[in-house]
Amino acid sequence: MSLKTKNKVNSASEASGDTIFLPNRDARIAEIAYYKSENRGFESGHELDDWFEAEQEFIL
């Protein structure tokens, strides 16, 4: 993607109010996933499940 294309995408998102700041999004999903793991007693082997479930909750 060229710089010109990126600027168009960013401008379109900002104009529509649909701007998503990915670092904030990922941090929030990580926090939700952490609490899911904590509730399960940090049992290993469920990391991806926790992330995917947290991602779905974040989207809703």
N, C-alpha and C. Protein backbone atom coordinates (compact mmCIF):
# COMPACT_ATOMS: atom_id res chain seq x y z
N MET A 1 0.85 -1.16 0.00
CA MET A 1 0.00 0.00 0.00
C MET A 1 0.90 1.23 0.00
N SER A 2 0.65 2.14 -0.90
CA SER A 2 1.46 3.35 -1.00
C SER A 2 1.07 4.33 0.10
N LEU A 3 1.94 5.30 0.32
CA LEU A 3 1.67 6.33 1.32
C LEU A 3 0.41 7.10 0.95
N LYS A 4 0.24 7.36 -0.34
CA LYS A 4 -0.95 8.09 -0.79
C LYS A 4 -2.21 7.29 -0.47
N THR A 5 -2.19 5.98 -0.70
CA THR A 5 -3.34 5.13 -0.40
C THR A 5 -3.60 5.09 1.10
N LYS A 6 -2.53 4.98 1.90
CA LYS A 6 -2.69 4.96 3.35
C LYS A 6 -3.35 6.25 3.84
N ASN A 7 -2.93 7.37 3.29
CA ASN A 7 -3.52 8.65 3.70
C ASN A 7 -4.99 8.71 3.34
N LYS A 8 -5.36 8.17 2.18
CA LYS A 8 -6.76 8.15 1.79
C LYS A 8 -7.58 7.29 2.75
N VAL A 9 -7.04 6.12 3.11
CA VAL A 9 -7.73 5.21 4.03
C VAL A 9 -7.88 5.89 5.39
N ASN A 10 -6.81 6.49 5.90
CA ASN A 10 -6.88 7.16 7.19
C ASN A 10 -7.86 8.31 7.16
N SER A 11 -7.85 9.10 6.10
CA SER A 11 -8.76 10.22 5.99
C SER A 11 -10.21 9.76 5.94
N ALA A 12 -10.47 8.70 5.18
CA ALA A 12 -11.83 8.17 5.08
C ALA A 12 -12.30 7.66 6.43
N SER A 13 -11.44 6.97 7.16
CA SER A 13 -11.81 6.46 8.48
C SER A 13 -12.08 7.59 9.46
N GLU A 14 -11.21 8.59 9.45
CA GLU A 14 -11.38 9.70 10.37
C GLU A 14 -12.66 10.48 10.06
N ALA A 15 -12.95 10.64 8.78
CA ALA A 15 -14.14 11.37 8.38
C ALA A 15 -15.41 10.65 8.82
N SER A 16 -15.38 9.33 8.78
CA SER A 16 -16.57 8.56 9.14
C SER A 16 -16.67 8.30 10.63
N GLY A 17 -15.60 8.58 11.38
CA GLY A 17 -15.60 8.32 12.81
C GLY A 17 -15.33 6.87 13.15
N ASP A 18 -14.86 6.09 12.19
CA ASP A 18 -14.61 4.66 12.38
C ASP A 18 -13.15 4.36 12.66
N THR A 19 -12.39 5.31 13.15
CA THR A 19 -10.97 5.10 13.39
C THR A 19 -10.78 4.08 14.50
N ILE A 20 -9.96 3.09 14.25
CA ILE A 20 -9.64 2.07 15.25
C ILE A 20 -8.15 2.18 15.55
N PHE A 21 -7.82 2.40 16.80
CA PHE A 21 -6.43 2.48 17.20
C PHE A 21 -6.02 1.08 17.66
N LEU A 22 -5.27 0.38 16.82
CA LEU A 22 -4.96 -1.02 17.07
C LEU A 22 -4.21 -1.29 18.37
N PRO A 23 -3.24 -0.46 18.76
CA PRO A 23 -2.60 -0.76 20.06
C PRO A 23 -3.60 -0.76 21.21
N ASN A 24 -4.55 0.15 21.20
CA ASN A 24 -5.57 0.19 22.26
C ASN A 24 -6.48 -1.03 22.16
N ARG A 25 -6.82 -1.42 20.95
CA ARG A 25 -7.69 -2.58 20.73
C ARG A 25 -7.02 -3.84 21.25
N ASP A 26 -5.77 -4.04 20.86
CA ASP A 26 -5.06 -5.25 21.29
C ASP A 26 -4.83 -5.27 22.79
N ALA A 27 -4.56 -4.11 23.37
CA ALA A 27 -4.36 -4.05 24.83
C ALA A 27 -5.65 -4.41 25.55
N ARG A 28 -6.77 -3.95 25.05
CA ARG A 28 -8.06 -4.27 25.70
C ARG A 28 -8.39 -5.74 25.55
N ILE A 29 -8.14 -6.30 24.37
CA ILE A 29 -8.39 -7.73 24.15
C ILE A 29 -7.49 -8.55 25.07
N ALA A 30 -6.22 -8.15 25.19
CA ALA A 30 -5.29 -8.86 26.07
C ALA A 30 -5.77 -8.81 27.52
N GLU A 31 -6.32 -7.69 27.93
CA GLU A 31 -6.83 -7.56 29.30
C GLU A 31 -8.02 -8.49 29.53
N ILE A 32 -8.94 -8.53 28.59
CA ILE A 32 -10.10 -9.42 28.70
C ILE A 32 -9.64 -10.88 28.74
N ALA A 33 -8.67 -11.23 27.87
CA ALA A 33 -8.15 -12.60 27.84
C ALA A 33 -7.46 -12.95 29.15
N TYR A 34 -6.76 -12.00 29.73
CA TYR A 34 -6.10 -12.21 31.02
C TYR A 34 -7.12 -12.57 32.09
N TYR A 35 -8.20 -11.83 32.16
CA TYR A 35 -9.21 -12.11 33.18
C TYR A 35 -9.90 -13.45 32.94
N LYS A 36 -10.05 -13.83 31.69
CA LYS A 36 -10.60 -15.16 31.39
C LYS A 36 -9.66 -16.24 31.94
N SER A 37 -8.37 -16.05 31.71
CA SER A 37 -7.38 -17.00 32.20
C SER A 37 -7.35 -17.02 33.72
N GLU A 38 -7.41 -15.86 34.32
CA GLU A 38 -7.41 -15.76 35.78
C GLU A 38 -8.59 -16.51 36.37
N ASN A 39 -9.76 -16.36 35.77
CA ASN A 39 -10.96 -17.05 36.27
C ASN A 39 -10.83 -18.56 36.19
N ARG A 40 -9.98 -19.05 35.30
CA ARG A 40 -9.76 -20.48 35.14
C ARG A 40 -8.55 -20.95 35.96
N GLY A 41 -7.96 -20.04 36.74
CA GLY A 41 -6.81 -20.41 37.55
C GLY A 41 -5.51 -20.48 36.74
N PHE A 42 -5.44 -19.76 35.65
CA PHE A 42 -4.27 -19.71 34.77
C PHE A 42 -3.85 -21.09 34.26
N GLU A 43 -4.82 -21.96 34.08
CA GLU A 43 -4.56 -23.28 33.51
C GLU A 43 -4.04 -23.12 32.09
N SER A 44 -2.89 -23.72 31.81
CA SER A 44 -2.28 -23.55 30.48
C SER A 44 -3.03 -24.34 29.41
N GLY A 45 -2.79 -23.95 28.16
CA GLY A 45 -3.37 -24.66 27.04
C GLY A 45 -4.63 -24.01 26.48
N HIS A 46 -5.05 -22.87 27.06
CA HIS A 46 -6.28 -22.22 26.61
C HIS A 46 -6.02 -20.79 26.13
N GLU A 47 -4.77 -20.46 25.89
CA GLU A 47 -4.41 -19.08 25.57
C GLU A 47 -5.11 -18.57 24.31
N LEU A 48 -5.10 -19.36 23.26
CA LEU A 48 -5.75 -18.93 22.01
C LEU A 48 -7.26 -18.84 22.18
N ASP A 49 -7.83 -19.81 22.89
CA ASP A 49 -9.28 -19.76 23.15
C ASP A 49 -9.64 -18.48 23.91
N ASP A 50 -8.83 -18.15 24.92
CA ASP A 50 -9.08 -16.93 25.69
C ASP A 50 -9.00 -15.70 24.79
N TRP A 51 -7.98 -15.67 23.92
CA TRP A 51 -7.81 -14.52 23.04
C TRP A 51 -8.99 -14.39 22.08
N PHE A 52 -9.36 -15.51 21.44
CA PHE A 52 -10.46 -15.47 20.47
C PHE A 52 -11.78 -15.08 21.12
N GLU A 53 -12.04 -15.61 22.30
CA GLU A 53 -13.27 -15.25 23.02
C GLU A 53 -13.25 -13.77 23.41
N ALA A 54 -12.10 -13.30 23.88
CA ALA A 54 -11.96 -11.90 24.25
C ALA A 54 -12.15 -11.00 23.04
N GLU A 55 -11.62 -11.42 21.92
CA GLU A 55 -11.78 -10.64 20.68
C GLU A 55 -13.25 -10.53 20.29
N GLN A 56 -13.98 -11.64 20.41
CA GLN A 56 -15.40 -11.61 20.09
C GLN A 56 -16.16 -10.71 21.05
N GLU A 57 -15.83 -10.76 22.32
CA GLU A 57 -16.49 -9.89 23.30
C GLU A 57 -16.19 -8.43 23.01
N PHE A 58 -14.95 -8.15 22.61
CA PHE A 58 -14.55 -6.77 22.33
C PHE A 58 -15.31 -6.23 21.13
N ILE A 59 -15.51 -7.05 20.13
CA ILE A 59 -16.21 -6.64 18.90
C ILE A 59 -17.67 -6.34 19.19
N LEU A 60 -18.27 -7.11 20.07
CA LEU A 60 -19.68 -6.91 20.40
C LEU A 60 -19.79 -5.68 21.23
